[in-house]
Amino acid sequence: MTDSLKTITINRLFDAPIDLVWEAWTQADHIIKWWGPDGIETKIIHHHFEVGGTWKYIMAMPGGKDFIAEGKYLEIDPPNKLVTSANFLPMTEGVIMEVYLESESENKTEFTFKVIHETEEYKLQQEKMGVYNGWGSVFERLADFLAKKIIELSQQSKSKNDENNDM
């Protein structure tokens, strides 16, 4: 059985430079602003961003239940590739997530996201549970975060330039 039969793949083009998209995936202060479903707050329990390092995030879901996301970094190749094991408890366990970033232009990043399951049956079960919609909404939040961050950085740059011109 080939990996493609066990893999969920989502492609997207982000209107942001590759370094900013990489930071969004790798810096805890960015992750908390976009990780998880819309309207849900994410708390970082730990985030040891290094090969062999572990991460754990908790999202308080409606009804008082916690949704736990955790894993171990397996490969880190800045700013192009990130591979981690992942569990999304209580729904998904034992998957591998791969994030690939490629600079499409100065301000655009081609994004490929893969979730590799142990079996084709497990992948199909996840598809039926709505994994594409779930991650799709998370990546909408990521796109919104990136857009806000670009505006913020642009305003900071403009303010700095204005200060320099006043001197």
N, C-alpha and C. Protein backbone atom coordinates (compact mmCIF):
# COMPACT_ATOMS: atom_id res chain seq x y z
N MET A 1 0.85 -1.18 0.00
CA MET A 1 0.00 0.00 0.00
C MET A 1 0.89 1.24 0.00
N THR A 2 0.62 2.16 -0.88
CA THR A 2 1.45 3.36 -0.95
C THR A 2 0.99 4.39 0.08
N ASP A 3 1.91 5.29 0.43
CA ASP A 3 1.58 6.33 1.40
C ASP A 3 0.44 7.22 0.92
N SER A 4 0.29 7.39 -0.40
CA SER A 4 -0.77 8.27 -0.90
C SER A 4 -2.16 7.77 -0.50
N LEU A 5 -2.31 6.48 -0.32
CA LEU A 5 -3.60 5.93 0.09
C LEU A 5 -3.87 6.16 1.58
N LYS A 6 -2.83 6.52 2.32
CA LYS A 6 -2.96 6.75 3.76
C LYS A 6 -2.81 8.23 4.11
N THR A 7 -2.72 9.08 3.09
CA THR A 7 -2.37 10.48 3.32
C THR A 7 -3.48 11.43 2.92
N ILE A 8 -3.76 12.36 3.82
CA ILE A 8 -4.65 13.49 3.54
C ILE A 8 -3.74 14.66 3.18
N THR A 9 -3.99 15.29 2.05
CA THR A 9 -3.16 16.40 1.59
C THR A 9 -4.03 17.63 1.36
N ILE A 10 -3.56 18.76 1.89
CA ILE A 10 -4.23 20.04 1.68
C ILE A 10 -3.19 21.01 1.13
N ASN A 11 -3.51 21.65 0.01
CA ASN A 11 -2.62 22.65 -0.60
C ASN A 11 -3.28 24.01 -0.52
N ARG A 12 -2.44 25.01 -0.35
CA ARG A 12 -2.97 26.37 -0.25
C ARG A 12 -1.87 27.36 -0.62
N LEU A 13 -2.27 28.51 -1.10
CA LEU A 13 -1.33 29.59 -1.37
C LEU A 13 -1.62 30.69 -0.36
N PHE A 14 -0.62 31.02 0.47
CA PHE A 14 -0.78 32.09 1.44
C PHE A 14 -0.18 33.37 0.89
N ASP A 15 -0.88 34.48 1.12
CA ASP A 15 -0.40 35.80 0.71
C ASP A 15 0.52 36.36 1.79
N ALA A 16 1.65 35.69 1.96
CA ALA A 16 2.63 36.08 2.98
C ALA A 16 3.98 35.50 2.60
N PRO A 17 5.06 36.18 3.00
CA PRO A 17 6.39 35.65 2.72
C PRO A 17 6.65 34.36 3.50
N ILE A 18 7.47 33.52 2.94
CA ILE A 18 7.74 32.21 3.52
C ILE A 18 8.24 32.29 4.96
N ASP A 19 9.09 33.27 5.26
CA ASP A 19 9.62 33.37 6.62
C ASP A 19 8.52 33.64 7.65
N LEU A 20 7.53 34.43 7.27
CA LEU A 20 6.42 34.71 8.19
C LEU A 20 5.55 33.47 8.38
N VAL A 21 5.30 32.73 7.31
CA VAL A 21 4.50 31.49 7.42
C VAL A 21 5.26 30.50 8.31
N TRP A 22 6.57 30.40 8.14
CA TRP A 22 7.39 29.51 8.97
C TRP A 22 7.28 29.93 10.45
N GLU A 23 7.41 31.21 10.72
CA GLU A 23 7.30 31.70 12.10
C GLU A 23 5.93 31.36 12.69
N ALA A 24 4.88 31.48 11.88
CA ALA A 24 3.54 31.19 12.37
C ALA A 24 3.42 29.74 12.83
N TRP A 25 4.13 28.84 12.17
CA TRP A 25 4.09 27.42 12.51
C TRP A 25 5.04 27.06 13.64
N THR A 26 6.04 27.89 13.91
CA THR A 26 7.11 27.46 14.81
C THR A 26 7.25 28.28 16.08
N GLN A 27 6.59 29.41 16.19
CA GLN A 27 6.71 30.25 17.38
C GLN A 27 5.42 30.21 18.19
N ALA A 28 5.57 29.86 19.45
CA ALA A 28 4.40 29.67 20.33
C ALA A 28 3.50 30.90 20.38
N ASP A 29 4.09 32.11 20.41
CA ASP A 29 3.26 33.31 20.50
C ASP A 29 2.44 33.54 19.24
N HIS A 30 2.84 32.94 18.13
CA HIS A 30 2.04 32.99 16.91
C HIS A 30 1.01 31.86 16.88
N ILE A 31 1.43 30.68 17.28
CA ILE A 31 0.57 29.49 17.22
C ILE A 31 -0.73 29.72 17.99
N ILE A 32 -0.64 30.35 19.15
CA ILE A 32 -1.85 30.53 19.98
C ILE A 32 -2.88 31.42 19.31
N LYS A 33 -2.47 32.16 18.31
CA LYS A 33 -3.40 33.09 17.66
C LYS A 33 -4.16 32.48 16.48
N TRP A 34 -3.76 31.28 16.03
CA TRP A 34 -4.48 30.72 14.89
C TRP A 34 -4.78 29.22 15.01
N TRP A 35 -4.12 28.52 15.90
CA TRP A 35 -4.27 27.07 15.99
C TRP A 35 -5.63 26.73 16.60
N GLY A 36 -6.38 25.93 15.92
CA GLY A 36 -7.64 25.44 16.44
C GLY A 36 -8.83 26.05 15.73
N PRO A 37 -10.01 25.53 16.04
CA PRO A 37 -11.24 26.03 15.41
C PRO A 37 -11.51 27.49 15.77
N ASP A 38 -12.24 28.17 14.91
CA ASP A 38 -12.58 29.57 15.13
C ASP A 38 -13.33 29.71 16.45
N GLY A 39 -12.93 30.71 17.23
CA GLY A 39 -13.59 30.98 18.49
C GLY A 39 -13.05 30.18 19.67
N ILE A 40 -12.10 29.30 19.42
CA ILE A 40 -11.54 28.46 20.48
C ILE A 40 -10.15 28.98 20.85
N GLU A 41 -9.91 29.14 22.13
CA GLU A 41 -8.61 29.60 22.61
C GLU A 41 -7.67 28.40 22.77
N THR A 42 -6.45 28.57 22.29
CA THR A 42 -5.44 27.53 22.42
C THR A 42 -4.43 27.95 23.48
N LYS A 43 -4.12 27.03 24.37
CA LYS A 43 -3.09 27.25 25.40
C LYS A 43 -1.93 26.32 25.10
N ILE A 44 -0.73 26.87 25.17
CA ILE A 44 0.47 26.06 24.96
C ILE A 44 0.91 25.51 26.31
N ILE A 45 0.95 24.21 26.42
CA ILE A 45 1.44 23.57 27.64
C ILE A 45 2.96 23.50 27.57
N HIS A 46 3.47 23.02 26.46
CA HIS A 46 4.91 23.12 26.18
C HIS A 46 5.14 23.07 24.68
N HIS A 47 6.26 23.67 24.28
CA HIS A 47 6.59 23.80 22.86
C HIS A 47 8.12 23.85 22.76
N HIS A 48 8.70 22.68 22.64
CA HIS A 48 10.17 22.56 22.55
C HIS A 48 10.52 22.35 21.08
N PHE A 49 10.74 23.46 20.39
CA PHE A 49 10.93 23.41 18.94
C PHE A 49 12.37 23.05 18.59
N GLU A 50 12.59 21.74 18.54
CA GLU A 50 13.86 21.16 18.12
C GLU A 50 13.59 19.71 17.77
N VAL A 51 14.42 19.13 16.93
CA VAL A 51 14.23 17.72 16.58
C VAL A 51 14.29 16.90 17.87
N GLY A 52 13.27 16.10 18.09
CA GLY A 52 13.16 15.33 19.32
C GLY A 52 12.37 16.05 20.40
N GLY A 53 12.13 17.34 20.20
CA GLY A 53 11.35 18.12 21.17
C GLY A 53 9.87 17.82 21.04
N THR A 54 9.16 18.03 22.12
CA THR A 54 7.73 17.74 22.13
C THR A 54 6.92 19.03 22.23
N TRP A 55 5.65 18.92 21.83
CA TRP A 55 4.72 20.03 21.91
C TRP A 55 3.39 19.51 22.42
N LYS A 56 2.69 20.38 23.14
CA LYS A 56 1.36 20.03 23.64
C LYS A 56 0.55 21.30 23.77
N TYR A 57 -0.63 21.30 23.12
CA TYR A 57 -1.55 22.43 23.16
C TYR A 57 -2.90 21.91 23.65
N ILE A 58 -3.60 22.75 24.39
CA ILE A 58 -4.94 22.39 24.85
C ILE A 58 -5.92 23.45 24.37
N MET A 59 -7.03 22.97 23.82
CA MET A 59 -8.11 23.85 23.39
C MET A 59 -9.34 23.52 24.21
N ALA A 60 -9.89 24.53 24.87
CA ALA A 60 -11.11 24.34 25.67
C ALA A 60 -12.30 24.39 24.72
N MET A 61 -12.96 23.27 24.57
CA MET A 61 -14.07 23.17 23.64
C MET A 61 -15.39 23.49 24.36
N PRO A 62 -16.42 23.85 23.60
CA PRO A 62 -17.73 24.09 24.22
C PRO A 62 -18.18 22.84 24.99
N GLY A 63 -18.83 23.06 26.09
CA GLY A 63 -19.29 21.93 26.90
C GLY A 63 -18.28 21.51 27.95
N GLY A 64 -17.16 22.22 28.03
CA GLY A 64 -16.19 21.94 29.08
C GLY A 64 -15.16 20.87 28.78
N LYS A 65 -15.21 20.29 27.60
CA LYS A 65 -14.22 19.26 27.26
C LYS A 65 -12.97 19.91 26.68
N ASP A 66 -11.82 19.33 26.99
CA ASP A 66 -10.57 19.79 26.40
C ASP A 66 -10.21 18.92 25.21
N PHE A 67 -9.69 19.57 24.19
CA PHE A 67 -9.18 18.89 23.01
C PHE A 67 -7.66 19.05 23.10
N ILE A 68 -6.94 17.96 23.12
CA ILE A 68 -5.49 17.99 23.32
C ILE A 68 -4.78 17.65 22.01
N ALA A 69 -3.86 18.51 21.63
CA ALA A 69 -3.01 18.27 20.46
C ALA A 69 -1.58 18.15 20.98
N GLU A 70 -0.89 17.09 20.57
CA GLU A 70 0.47 16.88 21.06
C GLU A 70 1.27 16.07 20.05
N GLY A 71 2.58 16.19 20.15
CA GLY A 71 3.43 15.44 19.26
C GLY A 71 4.90 15.63 19.57
N LYS A 72 5.72 15.09 18.66
CA LYS A 72 7.18 15.16 18.80
C LYS A 72 7.75 15.55 17.44
N TYR A 73 8.63 16.56 17.45
CA TYR A 73 9.24 17.02 16.20
C TYR A 73 10.23 15.98 15.69
N LEU A 74 10.03 15.56 14.44
CA LEU A 74 10.86 14.52 13.83
C LEU A 74 11.88 15.09 12.85
N GLU A 75 11.49 16.17 12.17
CA GLU A 75 12.37 16.80 11.19
C GLU A 75 12.05 18.29 11.11
N ILE A 76 13.11 19.10 11.10
CA ILE A 76 12.96 20.55 10.99
C ILE A 76 13.98 21.05 9.98
N ASP A 77 13.50 21.63 8.89
CA ASP A 77 14.36 22.16 7.83
C ASP A 77 13.86 23.57 7.47
N PRO A 78 14.29 24.58 8.25
CA PRO A 78 13.78 25.95 8.05
C PRO A 78 14.16 26.51 6.69
N PRO A 79 13.31 27.26 6.06
CA PRO A 79 11.89 27.48 6.34
C PRO A 79 11.00 26.62 5.45
N ASN A 80 11.47 25.45 5.08
CA ASN A 80 10.75 24.68 4.06
C ASN A 80 10.01 23.44 4.53
N LYS A 81 10.45 22.81 5.61
CA LYS A 81 9.84 21.53 5.96
C LYS A 81 9.81 21.33 7.47
N LEU A 82 8.67 20.82 7.92
CA LEU A 82 8.46 20.50 9.32
C LEU A 82 7.71 19.17 9.38
N VAL A 83 8.24 18.22 10.14
CA VAL A 83 7.59 16.92 10.29
C VAL A 83 7.46 16.62 11.78
N THR A 84 6.26 16.21 12.18
CA THR A 84 6.01 15.90 13.58
C THR A 84 5.04 14.74 13.70
N SER A 85 5.23 13.95 14.75
CA SER A 85 4.18 13.00 15.08
C SER A 85 3.05 13.82 15.69
N ALA A 86 1.84 13.27 15.71
CA ALA A 86 0.73 14.04 16.25
C ALA A 86 -0.40 13.15 16.76
N ASN A 87 -0.96 13.60 17.86
CA ASN A 87 -2.19 13.04 18.41
C ASN A 87 -3.14 14.21 18.63
N PHE A 88 -4.39 14.02 18.28
CA PHE A 88 -5.43 15.02 18.51
C PHE A 88 -6.52 14.32 19.31
N LEU A 89 -6.35 14.35 20.61
CA LEU A 89 -7.19 13.57 21.50
C LEU A 89 -8.47 14.32 21.86
N PRO A 90 -9.59 13.66 21.78
CA PRO A 90 -9.77 12.21 21.79
C PRO A 90 -10.03 11.59 20.41
N MET A 91 -9.81 12.31 19.31
CA MET A 91 -10.29 11.82 18.01
C MET A 91 -9.24 11.14 17.14
N THR A 92 -8.00 11.56 17.20
CA THR A 92 -6.99 11.08 16.26
C THR A 92 -5.70 10.78 17.01
N GLU A 93 -5.13 9.61 16.71
CA GLU A 93 -3.87 9.25 17.36
C GLU A 93 -2.93 8.62 16.34
N GLY A 94 -1.63 8.82 16.58
CA GLY A 94 -0.62 8.12 15.82
C GLY A 94 -0.46 8.53 14.37
N VAL A 95 -0.65 9.81 14.07
CA VAL A 95 -0.45 10.28 12.70
C VAL A 95 0.87 11.06 12.62
N ILE A 96 1.31 11.26 11.40
CA ILE A 96 2.47 12.10 11.12
C ILE A 96 1.97 13.29 10.33
N MET A 97 2.37 14.49 10.75
CA MET A 97 2.03 15.71 10.02
C MET A 97 3.28 16.22 9.33
N GLU A 98 3.13 16.57 8.07
CA GLU A 98 4.22 17.17 7.30
C GLU A 98 3.75 18.51 6.76
N VAL A 99 4.59 19.52 6.97
CA VAL A 99 4.31 20.87 6.46
C VAL A 99 5.43 21.22 5.50
N TYR A 100 5.06 21.57 4.27
CA TYR A 100 6.03 21.98 3.26
C TYR A 100 5.71 23.41 2.82
N LEU A 101 6.72 24.25 2.81
CA LEU A 101 6.57 25.64 2.38
C LEU A 101 7.53 25.91 1.24
N GLU A 102 7.01 26.59 0.24
CA GLU A 102 7.85 26.96 -0.90
C GLU A 102 7.51 28.40 -1.28
N SER A 103 8.53 29.21 -1.44
CA SER A 103 8.32 30.61 -1.80
C SER A 103 7.86 30.69 -3.25
N GLU A 104 6.64 31.17 -3.43
CA GLU A 104 6.07 31.31 -4.77
C GLU A 104 6.53 32.63 -5.39
N SER A 105 6.64 33.64 -4.55
CA SER A 105 7.17 34.95 -4.91
C SER A 105 7.57 35.61 -3.59
N GLU A 106 7.96 36.87 -3.65
CA GLU A 106 8.40 37.54 -2.42
C GLU A 106 7.34 37.54 -1.33
N ASN A 107 6.07 37.64 -1.73
CA ASN A 107 5.00 37.76 -0.75
C ASN A 107 3.95 36.65 -0.83
N LYS A 108 4.30 35.54 -1.43
CA LYS A 108 3.37 34.41 -1.53
C LYS A 108 4.11 33.12 -1.19
N THR A 109 3.42 32.26 -0.46
CA THR A 109 4.01 30.99 -0.05
C THR A 109 3.08 29.84 -0.42
N GLU A 110 3.62 28.90 -1.17
CA GLU A 110 2.89 27.67 -1.49
C GLU A 110 3.00 26.75 -0.27
N PHE A 111 1.86 26.29 0.20
CA PHE A 111 1.77 25.51 1.43
C PHE A 111 1.19 24.14 1.09
N THR A 112 1.87 23.10 1.53
CA THR A 112 1.36 21.74 1.39
C THR A 112 1.36 21.10 2.78
N PHE A 113 0.22 20.60 3.17
CA PHE A 113 0.04 19.99 4.48
C PHE A 113 -0.39 18.55 4.28
N LYS A 114 0.32 17.64 4.94
CA LYS A 114 -0.02 16.22 4.82
C LYS A 114 -0.21 15.61 6.20
N VAL A 115 -1.23 14.78 6.31
CA VAL A 115 -1.43 13.98 7.51
C VAL A 115 -1.38 12.52 7.06
N ILE A 116 -0.39 11.81 7.56
CA ILE A 116 -0.17 10.42 7.16
C ILE A 116 -0.69 9.50 8.27
N HIS A 117 -1.59 8.62 7.90
CA HIS A 117 -2.22 7.69 8.84
C HIS A 117 -1.58 6.31 8.73
N GLU A 118 -1.78 5.50 9.74
CA GLU A 118 -1.19 4.15 9.74
C GLU A 118 -1.79 3.26 8.67
N THR A 119 -3.07 3.46 8.38
CA THR A 119 -3.75 2.62 7.39
C THR A 119 -4.66 3.48 6.52
N GLU A 120 -5.02 2.93 5.36
CA GLU A 120 -5.97 3.60 4.49
C GLU A 120 -7.34 3.70 5.17
N GLU A 121 -7.71 2.66 5.91
CA GLU A 121 -9.00 2.66 6.60
C GLU A 121 -9.08 3.80 7.62
N TYR A 122 -7.98 4.00 8.34
CA TYR A 122 -7.95 5.07 9.34
C TYR A 122 -8.07 6.43 8.65
N LYS A 123 -7.39 6.60 7.54
CA LYS A 123 -7.50 7.85 6.76
C LYS A 123 -8.95 8.08 6.32
N LEU A 124 -9.60 7.06 5.81
CA LEU A 124 -10.99 7.17 5.35
C LEU A 124 -11.92 7.53 6.51
N GLN A 125 -11.66 6.95 7.68
CA GLN A 125 -12.45 7.26 8.87
C GLN A 125 -12.30 8.74 9.22
N GLN A 126 -11.08 9.25 9.15
CA GLN A 126 -10.82 10.66 9.45
C GLN A 126 -11.50 11.58 8.43
N GLU A 127 -11.49 11.17 7.18
CA GLU A 127 -12.19 11.96 6.15
C GLU A 127 -13.68 12.04 6.46
N LYS A 128 -14.27 10.94 6.86
CA LYS A 128 -15.70 10.92 7.19
C LYS A 128 -16.00 11.80 8.39
N MET A 129 -15.04 11.94 9.31
CA MET A 129 -15.23 12.79 10.49
C MET A 129 -15.10 14.27 10.16
N GLY A 130 -14.65 14.60 8.93
CA GLY A 130 -14.60 15.99 8.52
C GLY A 130 -13.23 16.64 8.64
N VAL A 131 -12.18 15.85 8.50
CA VAL A 131 -10.83 16.38 8.68
C VAL A 131 -10.50 17.51 7.70
N TYR A 132 -10.99 17.44 6.48
CA TYR A 132 -10.71 18.52 5.51
C TYR A 132 -11.35 19.83 5.94
N ASN A 133 -12.61 19.77 6.40
CA ASN A 133 -13.28 20.98 6.87
C ASN A 133 -12.60 21.52 8.13
N GLY A 134 -12.23 20.62 9.02
CA GLY A 134 -11.58 21.04 10.26
C GLY A 134 -10.28 21.77 10.00
N TRP A 135 -9.38 21.14 9.25
CA TRP A 135 -8.11 21.80 8.95
C TRP A 135 -8.31 23.01 8.04
N GLY A 136 -9.28 22.93 7.14
CA GLY A 136 -9.56 24.07 6.28
C GLY A 136 -9.91 25.31 7.08
N SER A 137 -10.72 25.15 8.14
CA SER A 137 -11.08 26.29 8.98
C SER A 137 -9.87 26.79 9.77
N VAL A 138 -9.03 25.88 10.20
CA VAL A 138 -7.81 26.28 10.92
C VAL A 138 -6.91 27.09 9.99
N PHE A 139 -6.78 26.64 8.74
CA PHE A 139 -5.91 27.36 7.80
C PHE A 139 -6.50 28.70 7.37
N GLU A 140 -7.84 28.85 7.47
CA GLU A 140 -8.46 30.16 7.27
C GLU A 140 -8.01 31.10 8.39
N ARG A 141 -7.99 30.58 9.62
CA ARG A 141 -7.50 31.38 10.75
C ARG A 141 -6.04 31.74 10.56
N LEU A 142 -5.24 30.80 10.05
CA LEU A 142 -3.83 31.08 9.78
C LEU A 142 -3.71 32.18 8.73
N ALA A 143 -4.49 32.11 7.66
CA ALA A 143 -4.45 33.15 6.63
C ALA A 143 -4.83 34.51 7.21
N ASP A 144 -5.85 34.55 8.07
CA ASP A 144 -6.24 35.80 8.72
C ASP A 144 -5.13 36.32 9.62
N PHE A 145 -4.50 35.42 10.37
CA PHE A 145 -3.39 35.82 11.24
C PHE A 145 -2.26 36.41 10.42
N LEU A 146 -1.91 35.75 9.32
CA LEU A 146 -0.82 36.24 8.46
C LEU A 146 -1.15 37.61 7.89
N ALA A 147 -2.38 37.82 7.45
CA ALA A 147 -2.79 39.12 6.90
C ALA A 147 -2.66 40.21 7.96
N LYS A 148 -3.12 39.93 9.19
CA LYS A 148 -3.02 40.91 10.27
C LYS A 148 -1.56 41.18 10.62
N LYS A 149 -0.74 40.14 10.61
CA LYS A 149 0.67 40.29 10.95
C LYS A 149 1.38 41.14 9.90
N ILE A 150 1.04 40.96 8.63
CA ILE A 150 1.65 41.76 7.55
C ILE A 150 1.28 43.23 7.73
N ILE A 151 0.02 43.51 8.05
CA ILE A 151 -0.41 44.89 8.29
C ILE A 151 0.37 45.47 9.47
N GLU A 152 0.47 44.71 10.54
CA GLU A 152 1.19 45.16 11.73
C GLU A 152 2.66 45.46 11.41
N LEU A 153 3.30 44.57 10.68
CA LEU A 153 4.71 44.77 10.32
C LEU A 153 4.87 45.97 9.40
N SER A 154 3.92 46.16 8.49
CA SER A 154 3.96 47.31 7.58
C SER A 154 3.82 48.62 8.35
N GLN A 155 2.91 48.63 9.31
CA GLN A 155 2.72 49.84 10.13
C GLN A 155 3.95 50.13 10.97
N GLN A 156 4.58 49.09 11.51
CA GLN A 156 5.81 49.28 12.29
C GLN A 156 6.92 49.83 11.42
N SER A 157 7.02 49.32 10.21
CA SER A 157 8.05 49.78 9.28
C SER A 157 7.81 51.24 8.88
N LYS A 158 6.54 51.56 8.61
CA LYS A 158 6.19 52.94 8.25
C LYS A 158 6.49 53.89 9.41
N SER A 159 6.14 53.49 10.60
CA SER A 159 6.39 54.31 11.78
C SER A 159 7.89 54.53 11.99
N LYS A 160 8.66 53.48 11.79
CA LYS A 160 10.12 53.58 11.93
C LYS A 160 10.70 54.52 10.87
N ASN A 161 10.20 54.41 9.64
CA ASN A 161 10.65 55.29 8.56
C ASN A 161 10.28 56.74 8.85
N ASP A 162 9.07 56.95 9.37
CA ASP A 162 8.63 58.30 9.72
C ASP A 162 9.53 58.89 10.81
N GLU A 163 9.89 58.07 11.80
CA GLU A 163 10.79 58.52 12.86
C GLU A 163 12.16 58.91 12.31
N ASN A 164 12.67 58.10 11.40
CA ASN A 164 13.98 58.37 10.79
C ASN A 164 13.95 59.65 9.95
N ASN A 165 12.82 59.87 9.27
CA ASN A 165 12.70 61.10 8.44
C ASN A 165 12.56 62.34 9.30
N ASP A 166 12.07 62.21 10.53
CA ASP A 166 11.91 63.35 11.42
C ASP A 166 13.22 63.78 12.08
N MET A 167 14.22 62.94 11.96
CA MET A 167 15.51 63.25 12.62
C MET A 167 16.34 64.21 11.83
